[in-house]
């Protein structure tokens, strides 16, 4: 099976077979894969817990899917991908739009930025706890933080706006 996802303007090709996952040109050995609970979050997103062995190490991932986005929480980080042809432009709400949303319902553990802060891609913005796992949501674009809607200690619905970044010109 082959899937093409978009992270900003960059295509990511994922190929899966019985024992290997290939992401672009990097191959990873897959062991046992099992699915945990699946739920439907606000806005119609489906959230699924996956247990997988990657290169001999057991890993737990949370995958949230909407019609045009896939969010993967793995190793304490959240990766946002857009799907489909419309994703190539990464328009408003796309993977690199500067809009950071909760990938699933959870509790905001920490807010690491304030309005007016300059951020770079990969910079941590918010720490979210969901399904007993903490994930750090990071900036997908360079720019200036316009809005911080996340408040530490509060719970949020899946799809809730947490941080909005005005992309650098």
N, C-alpha and C. Protein backbone atom coordinates (compact mmCIF):
# COMPACT_ATOMS: atom_id res chain seq x y z
N UNK A 1 0.84 -1.16 0.00
CA UNK A 1 0.00 0.00 0.00
C UNK A 1 0.89 1.24 0.00
N UNK A 2 0.53 2.24 -0.78
CA UNK A 2 1.28 3.49 -0.83
C UNK A 2 0.34 4.66 -0.58
N UNK A 3 0.80 5.60 0.26
CA UNK A 3 0.02 6.78 0.60
C UNK A 3 0.91 8.00 0.41
N UNK A 4 0.35 9.06 -0.18
CA UNK A 4 1.09 10.31 -0.31
C UNK A 4 0.43 11.33 0.60
N UNK A 5 1.24 11.90 1.50
CA UNK A 5 0.80 12.93 2.43
C UNK A 5 1.59 14.20 2.13
N UNK A 6 1.08 15.31 2.61
CA UNK A 6 1.75 16.59 2.37
C UNK A 6 2.05 17.25 3.70
N UNK A 7 3.27 17.70 3.87
CA UNK A 7 3.69 18.47 5.04
C UNK A 7 4.15 19.81 4.49
N UNK A 8 3.23 20.78 4.50
CA UNK A 8 3.49 22.04 3.82
C UNK A 8 3.50 21.76 2.32
N UNK A 9 4.52 22.23 1.63
CA UNK A 9 4.62 22.03 0.19
C UNK A 9 5.40 20.76 -0.15
N UNK A 10 5.83 20.00 0.86
CA UNK A 10 6.66 18.83 0.64
C UNK A 10 5.83 17.54 0.70
N UNK A 11 5.96 16.72 -0.32
CA UNK A 11 5.26 15.44 -0.35
C UNK A 11 6.03 14.41 0.47
N UNK A 12 5.29 13.58 1.19
CA UNK A 12 5.87 12.47 1.94
C UNK A 12 5.18 11.21 1.42
N UNK A 13 5.96 10.29 0.88
CA UNK A 13 5.43 9.06 0.36
C UNK A 13 5.69 7.94 1.35
N UNK A 14 4.62 7.26 1.77
CA UNK A 14 4.73 6.17 2.73
C UNK A 14 4.28 4.89 2.03
N UNK A 15 5.16 3.88 2.02
CA UNK A 15 4.83 2.58 1.45
C UNK A 15 4.90 1.54 2.56
N UNK A 16 3.85 0.73 2.65
CA UNK A 16 3.79 -0.31 3.68
C UNK A 16 3.68 -1.67 3.01
N UNK A 17 4.46 -2.63 3.52
CA UNK A 17 4.25 -4.02 3.14
C UNK A 17 4.25 -4.82 4.43
N UNK A 18 4.30 -6.10 4.35
CA UNK A 18 4.13 -6.95 5.54
C UNK A 18 5.16 -6.68 6.63
N UNK A 19 6.40 -6.34 6.27
CA UNK A 19 7.44 -6.22 7.29
C UNK A 19 8.23 -4.92 7.21
N UNK A 20 7.88 -4.01 6.30
CA UNK A 20 8.67 -2.79 6.12
C UNK A 20 7.77 -1.58 5.87
N UNK A 21 8.18 -0.47 6.46
CA UNK A 21 7.57 0.82 6.14
C UNK A 21 8.66 1.66 5.51
N UNK A 22 8.37 2.25 4.36
CA UNK A 22 9.33 3.12 3.70
C UNK A 22 8.73 4.52 3.66
N UNK A 23 9.44 5.48 4.28
CA UNK A 23 9.01 6.87 4.30
C UNK A 23 10.00 7.62 3.44
N UNK A 24 9.50 8.12 2.28
CA UNK A 24 10.36 8.65 1.22
C UNK A 24 11.37 7.55 0.89
N UNK A 25 12.64 7.69 1.23
CA UNK A 25 13.60 6.64 0.89
C UNK A 25 14.16 5.91 2.11
N UNK A 26 13.66 6.22 3.30
CA UNK A 26 14.14 5.58 4.52
C UNK A 26 13.26 4.38 4.86
N UNK A 27 13.89 3.22 5.08
CA UNK A 27 13.15 2.00 5.40
C UNK A 27 13.23 1.71 6.89
N UNK A 28 12.10 1.26 7.44
CA UNK A 28 12.00 0.88 8.84
C UNK A 28 11.44 -0.53 8.92
N UNK A 29 12.02 -1.36 9.78
CA UNK A 29 11.51 -2.71 9.96
C UNK A 29 10.30 -2.67 10.88
N UNK A 30 9.19 -3.25 10.44
CA UNK A 30 7.96 -3.30 11.23
C UNK A 30 7.81 -4.67 11.85
N UNK A 31 7.43 -4.67 13.13
CA UNK A 31 7.09 -5.91 13.81
C UNK A 31 5.59 -5.97 13.97
N UNK A 32 5.16 -6.43 15.12
CA UNK A 32 3.73 -6.56 15.39
C UNK A 32 3.04 -5.20 15.38
N UNK A 33 1.87 -5.15 14.75
CA UNK A 33 1.05 -3.94 14.73
C UNK A 33 -0.32 -4.32 15.25
N UNK A 34 -0.82 -3.56 16.24
CA UNK A 34 -2.17 -3.82 16.72
C UNK A 34 -2.85 -2.48 17.01
N UNK A 35 -4.15 -2.47 16.79
CA UNK A 35 -4.93 -1.26 17.02
C UNK A 35 -5.59 -1.33 18.39
N UNK A 36 -5.58 -0.21 19.06
CA UNK A 36 -6.26 -0.09 20.35
C UNK A 36 -7.61 0.55 20.15
N UNK A 37 -8.07 1.26 21.16
CA UNK A 37 -9.40 1.88 21.07
C UNK A 37 -9.48 2.91 19.94
N UNK A 38 -10.67 3.02 19.34
CA UNK A 38 -10.95 4.02 18.32
C UNK A 38 -12.13 4.85 18.81
N UNK A 39 -12.03 6.16 18.65
CA UNK A 39 -13.10 7.05 19.10
C UNK A 39 -13.35 8.11 18.04
N UNK A 40 -14.51 8.73 18.11
CA UNK A 40 -14.83 9.85 17.25
C UNK A 40 -14.80 11.10 18.10
N UNK A 41 -13.98 12.07 17.68
CA UNK A 41 -13.83 13.32 18.42
C UNK A 41 -14.72 14.39 17.83
N UNK A 42 -14.75 15.55 18.49
CA UNK A 42 -15.52 16.68 17.98
C UNK A 42 -15.08 17.00 16.56
N UNK A 43 -16.01 17.40 15.73
CA UNK A 43 -15.70 17.75 14.35
C UNK A 43 -15.60 16.54 13.44
N UNK A 44 -15.91 15.36 13.96
CA UNK A 44 -15.92 14.17 13.12
C UNK A 44 -14.58 13.48 12.96
N UNK A 45 -13.54 13.93 13.65
CA UNK A 45 -12.24 13.28 13.56
C UNK A 45 -12.31 11.91 14.21
N UNK A 46 -11.64 10.93 13.60
CA UNK A 46 -11.51 9.63 14.25
C UNK A 46 -10.12 9.58 14.88
N UNK A 47 -10.05 9.04 16.09
CA UNK A 47 -8.80 8.94 16.82
C UNK A 47 -8.59 7.47 17.15
N UNK A 48 -7.40 6.98 16.80
CA UNK A 48 -7.10 5.56 17.02
C UNK A 48 -5.73 5.42 17.68
N UNK A 49 -5.65 4.50 18.61
CA UNK A 49 -4.39 4.19 19.26
C UNK A 49 -3.78 2.98 18.55
N UNK A 50 -2.50 3.08 18.19
CA UNK A 50 -1.80 1.98 17.52
C UNK A 50 -0.59 1.56 18.34
N UNK A 51 -0.37 0.27 18.41
CA UNK A 51 0.83 -0.28 19.03
C UNK A 51 1.62 -0.94 17.91
N UNK A 52 2.87 -0.54 17.75
CA UNK A 52 3.67 -1.03 16.64
C UNK A 52 5.12 -1.20 17.10
N UNK A 53 5.78 -2.16 16.51
CA UNK A 53 7.19 -2.36 16.77
C UNK A 53 7.95 -1.81 15.57
N UNK A 54 8.81 -0.81 15.81
CA UNK A 54 9.59 -0.17 14.75
C UNK A 54 11.06 -0.41 15.03
N UNK A 55 11.73 -1.05 14.09
CA UNK A 55 13.15 -1.39 14.24
C UNK A 55 13.43 -2.06 15.59
N UNK A 56 12.51 -2.96 15.99
CA UNK A 56 12.70 -3.75 17.20
C UNK A 56 12.26 -3.07 18.49
N UNK A 57 11.79 -1.83 18.42
CA UNK A 57 11.36 -1.11 19.63
C UNK A 57 9.85 -0.95 19.64
N UNK A 58 9.19 -1.33 20.73
CA UNK A 58 7.74 -1.13 20.81
C UNK A 58 7.42 0.37 20.92
N UNK A 59 6.44 0.82 20.16
CA UNK A 59 6.05 2.22 20.16
C UNK A 59 4.53 2.32 20.24
N UNK A 60 4.05 3.41 20.78
CA UNK A 60 2.61 3.69 20.85
C UNK A 60 2.37 4.99 20.10
N UNK A 61 1.39 4.98 19.22
CA UNK A 61 1.06 6.17 18.44
C UNK A 61 -0.43 6.44 18.54
N UNK A 62 -0.79 7.70 18.50
CA UNK A 62 -2.18 8.11 18.37
C UNK A 62 -2.32 8.74 17.00
N UNK A 63 -3.34 8.33 16.26
CA UNK A 63 -3.56 8.84 14.91
C UNK A 63 -4.95 9.45 14.85
N UNK A 64 -5.02 10.72 14.51
CA UNK A 64 -6.31 11.41 14.36
C UNK A 64 -6.47 11.73 12.88
N UNK A 65 -7.64 11.37 12.34
CA UNK A 65 -7.90 11.59 10.91
C UNK A 65 -9.15 12.44 10.74
N UNK A 66 -9.05 13.43 9.86
CA UNK A 66 -10.21 14.17 9.41
C UNK A 66 -10.25 13.98 7.89
N UNK A 67 -11.20 14.64 7.25
CA UNK A 67 -11.33 14.50 5.81
C UNK A 67 -10.05 14.89 5.08
N UNK A 68 -9.34 15.92 5.56
CA UNK A 68 -8.19 16.42 4.82
C UNK A 68 -6.89 16.51 5.62
N UNK A 69 -6.88 15.92 6.84
CA UNK A 69 -5.67 15.95 7.65
C UNK A 69 -5.46 14.64 8.38
N UNK A 70 -4.20 14.34 8.63
CA UNK A 70 -3.81 13.22 9.48
C UNK A 70 -2.81 13.77 10.48
N UNK A 71 -3.09 13.56 11.77
CA UNK A 71 -2.17 13.97 12.82
C UNK A 71 -1.68 12.72 13.52
N UNK A 72 -0.37 12.61 13.68
CA UNK A 72 0.23 11.43 14.30
C UNK A 72 1.03 11.88 15.52
N UNK A 73 0.66 11.38 16.69
CA UNK A 73 1.41 11.64 17.93
C UNK A 73 2.29 10.42 18.18
N UNK A 74 3.60 10.62 18.14
CA UNK A 74 4.55 9.52 18.29
C UNK A 74 5.81 10.07 18.95
N UNK A 75 6.25 9.42 19.99
CA UNK A 75 7.49 9.82 20.64
C UNK A 75 7.43 11.21 21.24
N UNK A 76 6.25 11.62 21.72
CA UNK A 76 6.13 12.92 22.35
C UNK A 76 6.00 14.10 21.40
N UNK A 77 5.91 13.84 20.10
CA UNK A 77 5.75 14.90 19.10
C UNK A 77 4.50 14.62 18.29
N UNK A 78 3.91 15.67 17.74
CA UNK A 78 2.76 15.54 16.87
C UNK A 78 3.15 15.99 15.48
N UNK A 79 2.90 15.14 14.49
CA UNK A 79 3.21 15.43 13.10
C UNK A 79 1.90 15.65 12.36
N UNK A 80 1.78 16.78 11.68
CA UNK A 80 0.56 17.12 10.95
C UNK A 80 0.80 16.96 9.46
N UNK A 81 -0.12 16.26 8.81
CA UNK A 81 -0.04 16.05 7.37
C UNK A 81 -1.37 16.43 6.74
N UNK A 82 -1.31 16.96 5.54
CA UNK A 82 -2.51 17.20 4.76
C UNK A 82 -2.61 16.07 3.75
N UNK A 83 -3.83 15.76 3.34
CA UNK A 83 -4.03 14.68 2.37
C UNK A 83 -4.67 15.24 1.12
N UNK A 84 -4.54 14.53 0.02
CA UNK A 84 -5.24 14.90 -1.21
C UNK A 84 -4.53 15.97 -2.00
N UNK A 85 -5.03 16.21 -3.20
CA UNK A 85 -4.45 17.18 -4.12
C UNK A 85 -4.53 18.60 -3.60
N UNK A 86 -5.60 18.94 -2.88
CA UNK A 86 -5.76 20.31 -2.39
C UNK A 86 -4.68 20.68 -1.39
N UNK A 87 -4.01 19.68 -0.81
CA UNK A 87 -3.00 19.95 0.19
C UNK A 87 -1.75 20.57 -0.38
N UNK A 88 -1.51 20.45 -1.66
CA UNK A 88 -0.26 20.95 -2.24
C UNK A 88 -0.03 22.42 -1.97
N UNK A 89 -1.10 23.20 -1.96
CA UNK A 89 -0.94 24.62 -1.70
C UNK A 89 -0.88 24.96 -0.23
N UNK A 90 -1.24 24.03 0.63
CA UNK A 90 -1.27 24.24 2.08
C UNK A 90 -1.98 25.53 2.41
N UNK A 91 -3.18 25.67 1.91
CA UNK A 91 -3.98 26.87 2.15
C UNK A 91 -4.42 26.96 3.58
N UNK A 92 -5.36 27.84 3.86
CA UNK A 92 -5.82 28.08 5.22
C UNK A 92 -6.22 26.78 5.88
N UNK A 93 -5.67 26.55 7.06
CA UNK A 93 -5.99 25.35 7.81
C UNK A 93 -5.21 24.14 7.36
N UNK A 94 -4.33 24.28 6.37
CA UNK A 94 -3.53 23.17 5.89
C UNK A 94 -2.41 22.86 6.85
N UNK A 95 -1.58 21.90 6.49
CA UNK A 95 -0.55 21.44 7.39
C UNK A 95 0.46 22.51 7.75
N UNK A 96 0.69 23.50 6.89
CA UNK A 96 1.67 24.54 7.17
C UNK A 96 1.04 25.92 7.17
N UNK A 97 -0.17 26.03 7.67
CA UNK A 97 -0.88 27.29 7.64
C UNK A 97 -0.55 28.20 8.82
N UNK A 98 0.05 27.67 9.86
CA UNK A 98 0.28 28.45 11.06
C UNK A 98 -0.83 28.26 12.09
N UNK A 99 -1.83 27.48 11.76
CA UNK A 99 -2.92 27.20 12.69
C UNK A 99 -2.60 25.89 13.40
N UNK A 100 -2.49 25.94 14.72
CA UNK A 100 -2.19 24.75 15.51
C UNK A 100 -3.44 24.39 16.29
N UNK A 101 -3.96 23.18 16.02
CA UNK A 101 -5.18 22.72 16.67
C UNK A 101 -4.89 21.46 17.48
N UNK A 102 -5.77 21.18 18.44
CA UNK A 102 -5.65 19.96 19.22
C UNK A 102 -5.97 18.77 18.32
N UNK A 103 -5.07 17.81 18.20
CA UNK A 103 -5.33 16.66 17.33
C UNK A 103 -6.40 15.73 17.87
N UNK A 104 -6.71 15.85 19.17
CA UNK A 104 -7.71 15.01 19.83
C UNK A 104 -8.09 15.70 21.13
N UNK A 105 -9.17 15.28 21.76
CA UNK A 105 -9.51 15.88 23.06
C UNK A 105 -8.40 15.61 24.07
N UNK A 106 -8.14 16.57 24.95
CA UNK A 106 -7.09 16.37 25.94
C UNK A 106 -7.00 17.53 26.89
N UNK A 107 -5.98 17.48 27.75
CA UNK A 107 -5.73 18.51 28.73
C UNK A 107 -4.46 19.26 28.35
N UNK A 108 -4.52 20.59 28.37
CA UNK A 108 -3.36 21.42 28.09
C UNK A 108 -2.47 21.39 29.34
N UNK A 109 -1.28 20.84 29.20
CA UNK A 109 -0.35 20.72 30.31
C UNK A 109 0.49 21.98 30.44
N UNK A 110 0.96 22.52 29.30
CA UNK A 110 1.81 23.71 29.32
C UNK A 110 1.64 24.49 28.03
N UNK A 111 1.72 25.80 28.15
CA UNK A 111 1.73 26.70 27.00
C UNK A 111 3.10 27.36 26.99
N UNK A 112 3.85 27.18 25.91
CA UNK A 112 5.26 27.57 25.88
C UNK A 112 5.53 28.86 25.12
N UNK A 113 4.49 29.51 24.60
CA UNK A 113 4.65 30.76 23.86
C UNK A 113 3.57 31.75 24.28
N UNK A 114 3.80 33.02 23.96
CA UNK A 114 2.80 34.06 24.18
C UNK A 114 2.64 34.84 22.88
N UNK A 115 1.53 35.58 22.78
CA UNK A 115 1.29 36.39 21.59
C UNK A 115 2.46 37.35 21.40
N UNK A 116 2.89 37.46 20.14
CA UNK A 116 4.01 38.33 19.81
C UNK A 116 5.35 37.63 19.71
N UNK A 117 5.44 36.39 20.22
CA UNK A 117 6.70 35.65 20.15
C UNK A 117 7.02 35.28 18.70
N UNK A 118 8.29 35.33 18.35
CA UNK A 118 8.76 34.83 17.05
C UNK A 118 9.02 33.34 17.22
N UNK A 119 8.58 32.53 16.24
CA UNK A 119 8.78 31.08 16.31
C UNK A 119 9.38 30.57 15.00
N UNK A 120 10.04 29.45 15.10
CA UNK A 120 10.65 28.77 13.96
C UNK A 120 10.01 27.39 13.80
N UNK A 121 10.05 26.81 12.61
CA UNK A 121 9.49 25.46 12.43
C UNK A 121 10.13 24.48 13.42
N UNK A 122 9.30 23.66 14.03
CA UNK A 122 9.78 22.68 14.99
C UNK A 122 9.84 23.17 16.42
N UNK A 123 9.62 24.47 16.64
CA UNK A 123 9.67 25.02 17.99
C UNK A 123 8.45 24.57 18.78
N UNK A 124 8.65 24.04 20.00
CA UNK A 124 7.52 23.62 20.82
C UNK A 124 6.62 24.80 21.19
N UNK A 125 5.28 24.56 21.12
CA UNK A 125 4.30 25.60 21.42
C UNK A 125 3.43 25.24 22.62
N UNK A 126 2.88 24.02 22.59
CA UNK A 126 1.92 23.58 23.60
C UNK A 126 2.18 22.12 23.92
N UNK A 127 2.06 21.75 25.19
CA UNK A 127 2.13 20.34 25.59
C UNK A 127 0.70 19.92 25.92
N UNK A 128 0.24 18.86 25.26
CA UNK A 128 -1.13 18.36 25.42
C UNK A 128 -1.08 16.92 25.93
N UNK A 129 -1.91 16.60 26.92
CA UNK A 129 -2.02 15.23 27.42
C UNK A 129 -3.33 14.64 26.92
N UNK A 130 -3.23 13.51 26.24
CA UNK A 130 -4.42 12.81 25.73
C UNK A 130 -4.17 11.32 25.85
N UNK A 131 -5.15 10.61 26.34
CA UNK A 131 -5.07 9.15 26.48
C UNK A 131 -3.81 8.74 27.24
N UNK A 132 -3.49 9.46 28.32
CA UNK A 132 -2.36 9.18 29.21
C UNK A 132 -1.01 9.33 28.52
N UNK A 133 -0.95 10.14 27.46
CA UNK A 133 0.30 10.36 26.74
C UNK A 133 0.46 11.85 26.50
N UNK A 134 1.63 12.40 26.82
CA UNK A 134 1.90 13.80 26.55
C UNK A 134 2.49 13.96 25.15
N UNK A 135 2.01 14.97 24.44
CA UNK A 135 2.51 15.29 23.11
C UNK A 135 2.84 16.76 23.05
N UNK A 136 3.96 17.07 22.43
CA UNK A 136 4.36 18.45 22.25
C UNK A 136 3.97 18.88 20.84
N UNK A 137 3.11 19.89 20.75
CA UNK A 137 2.70 20.42 19.46
C UNK A 137 3.69 21.50 19.08
N UNK A 138 4.18 21.46 17.85
CA UNK A 138 5.24 22.37 17.42
C UNK A 138 4.78 23.25 16.27
N UNK A 139 5.51 24.33 16.05
CA UNK A 139 5.24 25.24 14.94
C UNK A 139 5.60 24.54 13.63
N UNK A 140 4.73 24.67 12.64
CA UNK A 140 5.00 24.12 11.31
C UNK A 140 5.60 25.17 10.40
N UNK A 141 5.48 26.45 10.79
CA UNK A 141 5.99 27.55 9.97
C UNK A 141 6.76 28.53 10.84
N UNK A 142 7.62 29.30 10.20
CA UNK A 142 8.28 30.41 10.89
C UNK A 142 7.32 31.59 10.87
N UNK A 143 7.32 32.37 11.94
CA UNK A 143 6.45 33.54 11.97
C UNK A 143 6.32 34.11 13.36
N UNK A 144 5.23 34.85 13.57
CA UNK A 144 4.95 35.50 14.84
C UNK A 144 3.64 34.96 15.40
N UNK A 145 3.65 34.63 16.69
CA UNK A 145 2.45 34.12 17.33
C UNK A 145 1.41 35.24 17.36
N UNK A 146 0.26 35.00 16.74
CA UNK A 146 -0.82 35.98 16.67
C UNK A 146 -1.79 35.79 17.83
N UNK A 147 -2.20 34.53 18.07
CA UNK A 147 -3.19 34.22 19.08
C UNK A 147 -2.75 32.99 19.87
N UNK A 148 -2.95 33.04 21.18
CA UNK A 148 -2.76 31.87 22.03
C UNK A 148 -4.09 31.63 22.74
N UNK A 149 -4.81 30.61 22.29
CA UNK A 149 -6.10 30.28 22.88
C UNK A 149 -5.97 29.20 23.96
N UNK A 150 -4.85 28.49 23.97
CA UNK A 150 -4.63 27.42 24.94
C UNK A 150 -4.34 28.02 26.31
N UNK A 151 -4.89 27.39 27.34
CA UNK A 151 -4.66 27.80 28.72
C UNK A 151 -4.26 26.54 29.51
N UNK A 152 -3.11 26.59 30.15
CA UNK A 152 -2.64 25.44 30.92
C UNK A 152 -3.67 25.03 31.96
N UNK A 153 -3.90 23.71 32.06
CA UNK A 153 -4.82 23.17 33.05
C UNK A 153 -6.24 22.98 32.54
N UNK A 154 -6.55 23.48 31.34
CA UNK A 154 -7.90 23.33 30.80
C UNK A 154 -7.97 22.14 29.86
N UNK A 155 -9.17 21.64 29.64
CA UNK A 155 -9.38 20.58 28.66
C UNK A 155 -9.88 21.21 27.37
N UNK A 156 -9.52 20.58 26.26
CA UNK A 156 -9.91 21.07 24.95
C UNK A 156 -10.49 19.93 24.12
N UNK A 157 -11.35 20.27 23.19
CA UNK A 157 -11.90 19.30 22.25
C UNK A 157 -10.92 19.08 21.11
N UNK A 158 -11.02 17.94 20.46
CA UNK A 158 -10.25 17.70 19.24
C UNK A 158 -10.63 18.74 18.21
N UNK A 159 -9.64 19.33 17.55
CA UNK A 159 -9.89 20.35 16.54
C UNK A 159 -9.93 21.76 17.09
N UNK A 160 -9.83 21.93 18.42
CA UNK A 160 -9.88 23.26 19.02
C UNK A 160 -8.61 24.03 18.66
N UNK A 161 -8.78 25.31 18.31
CA UNK A 161 -7.64 26.18 18.03
C UNK A 161 -6.84 26.39 19.30
N UNK A 162 -5.52 26.17 19.23
CA UNK A 162 -4.64 26.36 20.38
C UNK A 162 -3.74 27.57 20.19
N UNK A 163 -3.11 27.65 19.02
CA UNK A 163 -2.18 28.74 18.71
C UNK A 163 -2.34 29.09 17.24
N UNK A 164 -2.30 30.38 16.96
CA UNK A 164 -2.33 30.84 15.57
C UNK A 164 -1.07 31.64 15.31
N UNK A 165 -0.38 31.30 14.21
CA UNK A 165 0.89 31.95 13.86
C UNK A 165 0.69 32.68 12.54
N UNK A 166 1.16 33.92 12.50
CA UNK A 166 1.19 34.66 11.24
C UNK A 166 2.51 34.29 10.57
N UNK A 167 2.45 33.58 9.42
CA UNK A 167 3.68 33.15 8.77
C UNK A 167 4.56 34.33 8.35
N UNK A 168 5.88 34.12 8.42
CA UNK A 168 6.83 35.14 7.98
C UNK A 168 6.68 35.29 6.46
N UNK A 169 6.93 36.50 5.98
CA UNK A 169 6.77 36.78 4.54
C UNK A 169 7.81 36.09 3.70
